[in-house]
Amino acid sequence: MADRGLARLILSRRGYSAITFGHVVVSAGQPPDAIWRHELRHVRQYERFGCAFLPLYLLWYRRRGYARHPLERDAARAIKLFDA
């Protein structure tokens, strides 16, 4: 958890409360349980896709944006972040 510094600056500028890099979850503060579940789903996705995770994530983000991103929609299912 990063209460201040570079991680908080980057996350808050992008409008994120947390971000996952492989098995590491970086957050700008103490995230609610729903955000933890969302980020832990990204950890499982990373385990599934391995080194292809980041290129796939960035490609889909560029083509579909955040709300229509397949990996984000998958991570959001349990917490109902997006409407169907």
PDB file of N, CA and C in Angstrom:
ATOM      1  N   MET A   1       0.848  -1.162   0.000  1.00  0.00           N
ATOM      2  CA  MET A   1       0.000   0.000   0.000  1.00  0.00           C
ATOM      3  C   MET A   1       0.897   1.229   0.000  1.00  0.00           C
ATOM      4  N   ALA A   2       0.577   2.196  -0.835  1.00  0.00           N
ATOM      5  CA  ALA A   2       1.353   3.430  -0.918  1.00  0.00           C
ATOM      6  C   ALA A   2       0.464   4.606  -0.545  1.00  0.00           C
ATOM      7  N   ASP A   3       0.678   5.171   0.636  1.00  0.00           N
ATOM      8  CA  ASP A   3      -0.133   6.305   1.073  1.00  0.00           C
ATOM      9  C   ASP A   3       0.308   7.607   0.439  1.00  0.00           C
ATOM     10  N   ARG A   4       1.515   7.659  -0.069  1.00  0.00           N
ATOM     11  CA  ARG A   4       2.021   8.870  -0.701  1.00  0.00           C
ATOM     12  C   ARG A   4       3.110   8.463  -1.675  1.00  0.00           C
ATOM     13  N   GLY A   5       3.648   9.421  -2.356  1.00  0.00           N
ATOM     14  CA  GLY A   5       4.754   9.149  -3.253  1.00  0.00           C
ATOM     15  C   GLY A   5       4.320   8.870  -4.677  1.00  0.00           C
ATOM     16  N   LEU A   6       5.233   8.288  -5.430  1.00  0.00           N
ATOM     17  CA  LEU A   6       5.051   8.092  -6.858  1.00  0.00           C
ATOM     18  C   LEU A   6       3.863   7.191  -7.195  1.00  0.00           C
ATOM     19  N   ALA A   7       3.707   6.086  -6.486  1.00  0.00           N
ATOM     20  CA  ALA A   7       2.599   5.168  -6.783  1.00  0.00           C
ATOM     21  C   ALA A   7       1.260   5.875  -6.630  1.00  0.00           C
ATOM     22  N   ARG A   8       1.085   6.613  -5.541  1.00  0.00           N
ATOM     23  CA  ARG A   8      -0.173   7.335  -5.320  1.00  0.00           C
ATOM     24  C   ARG A   8      -0.396   8.381  -6.412  1.00  0.00           C
ATOM     25  N   LEU A   9       0.646   9.100  -6.783  1.00  0.00           N
ATOM     26  CA  LEU A   9       0.537  10.116  -7.822  1.00  0.00           C
ATOM     27  C   LEU A   9       0.090   9.506  -9.149  1.00  0.00           C
ATOM     28  N   ILE A  10       0.746   8.432  -9.549  1.00  0.00           N
ATOM     29  CA  ILE A  10       0.418   7.783 -10.826  1.00  0.00           C
ATOM     30  C   ILE A  10      -1.001   7.224 -10.800  1.00  0.00           C
ATOM     31  N   LEU A  11      -1.349   6.513  -9.738  1.00  0.00           N
ATOM     32  CA  LEU A  11      -2.682   5.923  -9.648  1.00  0.00           C
ATOM     33  C   LEU A  11      -3.764   6.992  -9.632  1.00  0.00           C
ATOM     34  N   SER A  12      -3.588   8.018  -8.836  1.00  0.00           N
ATOM     35  CA  SER A  12      -4.627   9.038  -8.726  1.00  0.00           C
ATOM     36  C   SER A  12      -4.773   9.834 -10.013  1.00  0.00           C
ATOM     37  N   ARG A  13      -3.693  10.083 -10.714  1.00  0.00           N
ATOM     38  CA  ARG A  13      -3.791  10.799 -11.998  1.00  0.00           C
ATOM     39  C   ARG A  13      -4.557  10.003 -13.037  1.00  0.00           C
ATOM     40  N   ARG A  14      -4.434   8.684 -12.972  1.00  0.00           N
ATOM     41  CA  ARG A  14      -5.140   7.816 -13.918  1.00  0.00           C
ATOM     42  C   ARG A  14      -6.551   7.496 -13.439  1.00  0.00           C
ATOM     43  N   GLY A  15      -6.875   7.863 -12.215  1.00  0.00           N
ATOM     44  CA  GLY A  15      -8.201   7.581 -11.681  1.00  0.00           C
ATOM     45  C   GLY A  15      -8.343   6.178 -11.119  1.00  0.00           C
ATOM     46  N   TYR A  16      -7.241   5.517 -10.827  1.00  0.00           N
ATOM     47  CA  TYR A  16      -7.265   4.161 -10.302  1.00  0.00           C
ATOM     48  C   TYR A  16      -7.018   4.174  -8.801  1.00  0.00           C
ATOM     49  N   SER A  17      -7.566   3.198  -8.116  1.00  0.00           N
ATOM     50  CA  SER A  17      -7.262   3.053  -6.698  1.00  0.00           C
ATOM     51  C   SER A  17      -6.206   1.975  -6.485  1.00  0.00           C
ATOM     52  N   ALA A  18      -6.059   1.070  -7.478  1.00  0.00           N
ATOM     53  CA  ALA A  18      -5.061   0.008  -7.383  1.00  0.00           C
ATOM     54  C   ALA A  18      -4.726  -0.485  -8.784  1.00  0.00           C
ATOM     55  N   ILE A  19      -3.573  -1.117  -8.894  1.00  0.00           N
ATOM     56  CA  ILE A  19      -3.149  -1.706 -10.159  1.00  0.00           C
ATOM     57  C   ILE A  19      -2.319  -2.957  -9.845  1.00  0.00           C
ATOM     58  N   THR A  20      -2.399  -3.941 -10.719  1.00  0.00           N
ATOM     59  CA  THR A  20      -1.709  -5.208 -10.500  1.00  0.00           C
ATOM     60  C   THR A  20      -0.600  -5.388 -11.521  1.00  0.00           C
ATOM     61  N   PHE A  21       0.571  -5.792 -11.042  1.00  0.00           N
ATOM     62  CA  PHE A  21       1.706  -6.147 -11.887  1.00  0.00           C
ATOM     63  C   PHE A  21       2.115  -7.561 -11.497  1.00  0.00           C
ATOM     64  N   GLY A  22       1.665  -8.538 -12.260  1.00  0.00           N
ATOM     65  CA  GLY A  22       1.988  -9.922 -11.939  1.00  0.00           C
ATOM     66  C   GLY A  22       1.356 -10.331 -10.620  1.00  0.00           C
ATOM     67  N   HIS A  23       2.189 -10.630  -9.637  1.00  0.00           N
ATOM     68  CA  HIS A  23       1.688 -11.025  -8.320  1.00  0.00           C
ATOM     69  C   HIS A  23       1.713  -9.871  -7.326  1.00  0.00           C
ATOM     70  N   VAL A  24       1.946  -8.666  -7.802  1.00  0.00           N
ATOM     71  CA  VAL A  24       2.052  -7.497  -6.934  1.00  0.00           C
ATOM     72  C   VAL A  24       0.874  -6.563  -7.189  1.00  0.00           C
ATOM     73  N   VAL A  25       0.163  -6.219  -6.116  1.00  0.00           N
ATOM     74  CA  VAL A  25      -0.931  -5.250  -6.190  1.00  0.00           C
ATOM     75  C   VAL A  25      -0.446  -3.980  -5.505  1.00  0.00           C
ATOM     76  N   VAL A  26      -0.475  -2.879  -6.253  1.00  0.00           N
ATOM     77  CA  VAL A  26      -0.080  -1.568  -5.727  1.00  0.00           C
ATOM     78  C   VAL A  26      -1.353  -0.757  -5.577  1.00  0.00           C
ATOM     79  N   SER A  27      -1.528  -0.143  -4.403  1.00  0.00           N
ATOM     80  CA  SER A  27      -2.733   0.663  -4.194  1.00  0.00           C
ATOM     81  C   SER A  27      -2.364   2.026  -3.644  1.00  0.00           C
ATOM     82  N   ALA A  28      -3.235   2.994  -3.893  1.00  0.00           N
ATOM     83  CA  ALA A  28      -3.032   4.362  -3.424  1.00  0.00           C
ATOM     84  C   ALA A  28      -3.501   4.529  -1.986  1.00  0.00           C
ATOM     85  N   GLY A  29      -4.134   3.545  -1.431  1.00  0.00           N
ATOM     86  CA  GLY A  29      -4.643   3.562  -0.064  1.00  0.00           C
ATOM     87  C   GLY A  29      -5.174   2.179   0.249  1.00  0.00           C
ATOM     88  N   GLN A  30      -5.867   2.038   1.342  1.00  0.00           N
ATOM     89  CA  GLN A  30      -6.454   0.740   1.685  1.00  0.00           C
ATOM     90  C   GLN A  30      -7.680   0.507   0.808  1.00  0.00           C
ATOM     91  N   PRO A  31      -7.603  -0.400  -0.167  1.00  0.00           N
ATOM     92  CA  PRO A  31      -8.746  -0.607  -1.058  1.00  0.00           C
ATOM     93  C   PRO A  31      -9.864  -1.395  -0.372  1.00  0.00           C
ATOM     94  N   PRO A  32     -11.105  -1.119  -0.762  1.00  0.00           N
ATOM     95  CA  PRO A  32     -12.225  -1.918  -0.251  1.00  0.00           C
ATOM     96  C   PRO A  32     -12.098  -3.380  -0.708  1.00  0.00           C
ATOM     97  N   ASP A  33     -12.806  -4.253  -0.039  1.00  0.00           N
ATOM     98  CA  ASP A  33     -12.754  -5.687  -0.379  1.00  0.00           C
ATOM     99  C   ASP A  33     -13.063  -5.947  -1.847  1.00  0.00           C
ATOM    100  N   ALA A  34     -14.014  -5.225  -2.406  1.00  0.00           N
ATOM    101  CA  ALA A  34     -14.386  -5.444  -3.812  1.00  0.00           C
ATOM    102  C   ALA A  34     -13.208  -5.156  -4.744  1.00  0.00           C
ATOM    103  N   ILE A  35     -12.446  -4.128  -4.458  1.00  0.00           N
ATOM    104  CA  ILE A  35     -11.281  -3.812  -5.291  1.00  0.00           C
ATOM    105  C   ILE A  35     -10.203  -4.868  -5.112  1.00  0.00           C
ATOM    106  N   TRP A  36     -10.009  -5.379  -3.898  1.00  0.00           N
ATOM    107  CA  TRP A  36      -9.059  -6.472  -3.683  1.00  0.00           C
ATOM    108  C   TRP A  36      -9.449  -7.682  -4.522  1.00  0.00           C
ATOM    109  N   ARG A  37     -10.742  -8.043  -4.505  1.00  0.00           N
ATOM    110  CA  ARG A  37     -11.192  -9.195  -5.303  1.00  0.00           C
ATOM    111  C   ARG A  37     -10.929  -8.950  -6.786  1.00  0.00           C
ATOM    112  N   HIS A  38     -11.187  -7.730  -7.240  1.00  0.00           N
ATOM    113  CA  HIS A  38     -10.954  -7.366  -8.630  1.00  0.00           C
ATOM    114  C   HIS A  38      -9.470  -7.527  -8.981  1.00  0.00           C
ATOM    115  N   GLU A  39      -8.599  -6.984  -8.147  1.00  0.00           N
ATOM    116  CA  GLU A  39      -7.166  -7.059  -8.420  1.00  0.00           C
ATOM    117  C   GLU A  39      -6.638  -8.489  -8.308  1.00  0.00           C
ATOM    118  N   LEU A  40      -7.161  -9.254  -7.371  1.00  0.00           N
ATOM    119  CA  LEU A  40      -6.730 -10.650  -7.259  1.00  0.00           C
ATOM    120  C   LEU A  40      -7.157 -11.463  -8.478  1.00  0.00           C
ATOM    121  N   ARG A  41      -8.260 -11.082  -9.092  1.00  0.00           N
ATOM    122  CA  ARG A  41      -8.654 -11.730 -10.359  1.00  0.00           C
ATOM    123  C   ARG A  41      -7.614 -11.438 -11.434  1.00  0.00           C
ATOM    124  N   HIS A  42      -7.074 -10.220 -11.449  1.00  0.00           N
ATOM    125  CA  HIS A  42      -6.003  -9.900 -12.397  1.00  0.00           C
ATOM    126  C   HIS A  42      -4.760 -10.748 -12.117  1.00  0.00           C
ATOM    127  N   VAL A  43      -4.481 -11.042 -10.859  1.00  0.00           N
ATOM    128  CA  VAL A  43      -3.360 -11.924 -10.531  1.00  0.00           C
ATOM    129  C   VAL A  43      -3.592 -13.295 -11.158  1.00  0.00           C
ATOM    130  N   ARG A  44      -4.796 -13.823 -11.038  1.00  0.00           N
ATOM    131  CA  ARG A  44      -5.110 -15.131 -11.646  1.00  0.00           C
ATOM    132  C   ARG A  44      -5.006 -15.064 -13.173  1.00  0.00           C
ATOM    133  N   GLN A  45      -5.433 -13.933 -13.763  1.00  0.00           N
ATOM    134  CA  GLN A  45      -5.305 -13.771 -15.213  1.00  0.00           C
ATOM    135  C   GLN A  45      -3.828 -13.793 -15.619  1.00  0.00           C
ATOM    136  N   TYR A  46      -3.013 -13.094 -14.838  1.00  0.00           N
ATOM    137  CA  TYR A  46      -1.578 -13.080 -15.106  1.00  0.00           C
ATOM    138  C   TYR A  46      -1.005 -14.496 -15.037  1.00  0.00           C
ATOM    139  N   GLU A  47      -1.428 -15.267 -14.053  1.00  0.00           N
ATOM    140  CA  GLU A  47      -0.951 -16.647 -13.941  1.00  0.00           C
ATOM    141  C   GLU A  47      -1.366 -17.466 -15.162  1.00  0.00           C
ATOM    142  N   ARG A  48      -2.524 -17.183 -15.689  1.00  0.00           N
ATOM    143  CA  ARG A  48      -3.020 -17.920 -16.860  1.00  0.00           C
ATOM    144  C   ARG A  48      -2.269 -17.527 -18.132  1.00  0.00           C
ATOM    145  N   PHE A  49      -2.074 -16.216 -18.353  1.00  0.00           N
ATOM    146  CA  PHE A  49      -1.488 -15.730 -19.603  1.00  0.00           C
ATOM    147  C   PHE A  49       0.025 -15.532 -19.543  1.00  0.00           C
ATOM    148  N   GLY A  50       0.584 -15.495 -18.346  1.00  0.00           N
ATOM    149  CA  GLY A  50       2.032 -15.325 -18.208  1.00  0.00           C
ATOM    150  C   GLY A  50       2.518 -14.035 -18.833  1.00  0.00           C
ATOM    151  N   CYS A  51       3.622 -14.140 -19.570  1.00  0.00           N
ATOM    152  CA  CYS A  51       4.237 -12.949 -20.174  1.00  0.00           C
ATOM    153  C   CYS A  51       3.355 -12.287 -21.227  1.00  0.00           C
ATOM    154  N   ALA A  52       2.369 -12.984 -21.727  1.00  0.00           N
ATOM    155  CA  ALA A  52       1.462 -12.406 -22.725  1.00  0.00           C
ATOM    156  C   ALA A  52       0.427 -11.482 -22.083  1.00  0.00           C
ATOM    157  N   PHE A  53       0.309 -11.505 -20.760  1.00  0.00           N
ATOM    158  CA  PHE A  53      -0.724 -10.704 -20.090  1.00  0.00           C
ATOM    159  C   PHE A  53      -0.601  -9.218 -20.420  1.00  0.00           C
ATOM    160  N   LEU A  54       0.559  -8.638 -20.212  1.00  0.00           N
ATOM    161  CA  LEU A  54       0.704  -7.196 -20.413  1.00  0.00           C
ATOM    162  C   LEU A  54       0.485  -6.783 -21.865  1.00  0.00           C
ATOM    163  N   PRO A  55       1.090  -7.454 -22.858  1.00  0.00           N
ATOM    164  CA  PRO A  55       0.799  -7.065 -24.242  1.00  0.00           C
ATOM    165  C   PRO A  55      -0.686  -7.209 -24.602  1.00  0.00           C
ATOM    166  N   LEU A  56      -1.320  -8.301 -24.142  1.00  0.00           N
ATOM    167  CA  LEU A  56      -2.755  -8.473 -24.402  1.00  0.00           C
ATOM    168  C   LEU A  56      -3.572  -7.378 -23.733  1.00  0.00           C
ATOM    169  N   TYR A  57      -3.237  -7.079 -22.485  1.00  0.00           N
ATOM    170  CA  TYR A  57      -3.961  -6.052 -21.747  1.00  0.00           C
ATOM    171  C   TYR A  57      -3.877  -4.714 -22.488  1.00  0.00           C
ATOM    172  N   LEU A  58      -2.668  -4.333 -22.873  1.00  0.00           N
ATOM    173  CA  LEU A  58      -2.481  -3.041 -23.543  1.00  0.00           C
ATOM    174  C   LEU A  58      -3.152  -2.998 -24.910  1.00  0.00           C
ATOM    175  N   LEU A  59      -3.087  -4.096 -25.644  1.00  0.00           N
ATOM    176  CA  LEU A  59      -3.745  -4.160 -26.955  1.00  0.00           C
ATOM    177  C   LEU A  59      -5.246  -3.991 -26.816  1.00  0.00           C
ATOM    178  N   TRP A  60      -5.845  -4.758 -25.916  1.00  0.00           N
ATOM    179  CA  TRP A  60      -7.299  -4.663 -25.719  1.00  0.00           C
ATOM    180  C   TRP A  60      -7.695  -3.308 -25.148  1.00  0.00           C
ATOM    181  N   TYR A  61      -6.854  -2.735 -24.299  1.00  0.00           N
ATOM    182  CA  TYR A  61      -7.151  -1.410 -23.743  1.00  0.00           C
ATOM    183  C   TYR A  61      -7.189  -0.377 -24.863  1.00  0.00           C
ATOM    184  N   ARG A  62      -6.233  -0.474 -25.771  1.00  0.00           N
ATOM    185  CA  ARG A  62      -6.183   0.468 -26.906  1.00  0.00           C
ATOM    186  C   ARG A  62      -7.385   0.301 -27.829  1.00  0.00           C
ATOM    187  N   ARG A  63      -7.771  -0.925 -28.090  1.00  0.00           N
ATOM    188  CA  ARG A  63      -8.863  -1.194 -29.035  1.00  0.00           C
ATOM    189  C   ARG A  63     -10.248  -1.017 -28.436  1.00  0.00           C
ATOM    190  N   ARG A  64     -10.407  -1.305 -27.142  1.00  0.00           N
ATOM    191  CA  ARG A  64     -11.747  -1.346 -26.555  1.00  0.00           C
ATOM    192  C   ARG A  64     -11.962  -0.382 -25.404  1.00  0.00           C
ATOM    193  N   GLY A  65     -10.898   0.192 -24.871  1.00  0.00           N
ATOM    194  CA  GLY A  65     -11.032   1.045 -23.699  1.00  0.00           C
ATOM    195  C   GLY A  65     -11.179   0.216 -22.435  1.00  0.00           C
ATOM    196  N   TYR A  66     -11.403   0.891 -21.329  1.00  0.00           N
ATOM    197  CA  TYR A  66     -11.456   0.215 -20.038  1.00  0.00           C
ATOM    198  C   TYR A  66     -12.762  -0.548 -19.827  1.00  0.00           C
ATOM    199  N   ALA A  67     -13.890   0.107 -20.064  1.00  0.00           N
ATOM    200  CA  ALA A  67     -15.197  -0.499 -19.753  1.00  0.00           C
ATOM    201  C   ALA A  67     -15.519  -1.704 -20.637  1.00  0.00           C
ATOM    202  N   ARG A  68     -14.967  -1.779 -21.836  1.00  0.00           N
ATOM    203  CA  ARG A  68     -15.228  -2.905 -22.737  1.00  0.00           C
ATOM    204  C   ARG A  68     -14.043  -3.874 -22.810  1.00  0.00           C
ATOM    205  N   HIS A  69     -13.086  -3.701 -21.948  1.00  0.00           N
ATOM    206  CA  HIS A  69     -11.870  -4.523 -21.928  1.00  0.00           C
ATOM    207  C   HIS A  69     -12.209  -5.919 -21.397  1.00  0.00           C
ATOM    208  N   PRO A  70     -11.899  -6.979 -22.144  1.00  0.00           N
ATOM    209  CA  PRO A  70     -12.260  -8.335 -21.698  1.00  0.00           C
ATOM    210  C   PRO A  70     -11.684  -8.725 -20.335  1.00  0.00           C
ATOM    211  N   LEU A  71     -10.444  -8.366 -20.057  1.00  0.00           N
ATOM    212  CA  LEU A  71      -9.850  -8.730 -18.778  1.00  0.00           C
ATOM    213  C   LEU A  71     -10.447  -7.926 -17.631  1.00  0.00           C
ATOM    214  N   GLU A  72     -10.777  -6.677 -17.883  1.00  0.00           N
ATOM    215  CA  GLU A  72     -11.430  -5.856 -16.855  1.00  0.00           C
ATOM    216  C   GLU A  72     -12.857  -6.337 -16.596  1.00  0.00           C
ATOM    217  N   ARG A  73     -13.560  -6.679 -17.648  1.00  0.00           N
ATOM    218  CA  ARG A  73     -14.931  -7.176 -17.475  1.00  0.00           C
ATOM    219  C   ARG A  73     -14.922  -8.491 -16.698  1.00  0.00           C
ATOM    220  N   ASP A  74     -13.941  -9.348 -16.995  1.00  0.00           N
ATOM    221  CA  ASP A  74     -13.819 -10.605 -16.268  1.00  0.00           C
ATOM    222  C   ASP A  74     -13.528 -10.342 -14.786  1.00  0.00           C
ATOM    223  N   ALA A  75     -12.622  -9.426 -14.509  1.00  0.00           N
ATOM    224  CA  ALA A  75     -12.268  -9.114 -13.120  1.00  0.00           C
ATOM    225  C   ALA A  75     -13.416  -8.422 -12.394  1.00  0.00           C
ATOM    226  N   ALA A  76     -14.281  -7.761 -13.140  1.00  0.00           N
ATOM    227  CA  ALA A  76     -15.373  -7.002 -12.532  1.00  0.00           C
ATOM    228  C   ALA A  76     -16.625  -7.833 -12.278  1.00  0.00           C
ATOM    229  N   ARG A  77     -16.728  -9.013 -12.861  1.00  0.00           N
ATOM    230  CA  ARG A  77     -17.961  -9.810 -12.725  1.00  0.00           C
ATOM    231  C   ARG A  77     -18.377 -10.031 -11.284  1.00  0.00           C
ATOM    232  N   ALA A  78     -17.435 -10.396 -10.448  1.00  0.00           N
ATOM    233  CA  ALA A  78     -17.768 -10.715  -9.052  1.00  0.00           C
ATOM    234  C   ALA A  78     -18.214  -9.498  -8.260  1.00  0.00           C
ATOM    235  N   ILE A  79     -17.757  -8.321  -8.673  1.00  0.00           N
ATOM    236  CA  ILE A  79     -18.118  -7.124  -7.902  1.00  0.00           C
ATOM    237  C   ILE A  79     -19.108  -6.244  -8.646  1.00  0.00           C
ATOM    238  N   LYS A  80     -19.538  -6.689  -9.820  1.00  0.00           N
ATOM    239  CA  LYS A  80     -20.533  -5.966 -10.625  1.00  0.00           C
ATOM    240  C   LYS A  80     -20.146  -4.515 -10.850  1.00  0.00           C
ATOM    241  N   LEU A  81     -18.891  -4.315 -11.324  1.00  0.00           N
ATOM    242  CA  LEU A  81     -18.368  -2.984 -11.590  1.00  0.00           C
ATOM    243  C   LEU A  81     -19.016  -2.366 -12.817  1.00  0.00           C
ATOM    244  N   PHE A  82     -19.346  -3.205 -13.813  1.00  0.00           N
ATOM    245  CA  PHE A  82     -19.964  -2.718 -15.037  1.00  0.00           C
ATOM    246  C   PHE A  82     -21.339  -3.352 -15.193  1.00  0.00           C
ATOM    247  N   ASP A  83     -22.221  -2.669 -15.897  1.00  0.00           N
ATOM    248  CA  ASP A  83     -23.518  -3.253 -16.245  1.00  0.00           C
ATOM    249  C   ASP A  83     -23.329  -4.231 -17.392  1.00  0.00           C
ATOM    250  N   ALA A  84     -24.193  -5.207 -17.489  1.00  0.00           N
ATOM    251  CA  ALA A  84     -24.090  -6.240 -18.533  1.00  0.00           C
ATOM    252  C   ALA A  84     -24.343  -5.721 -19.901  1.00  0.00           C
TER     253      ALA A  84
END
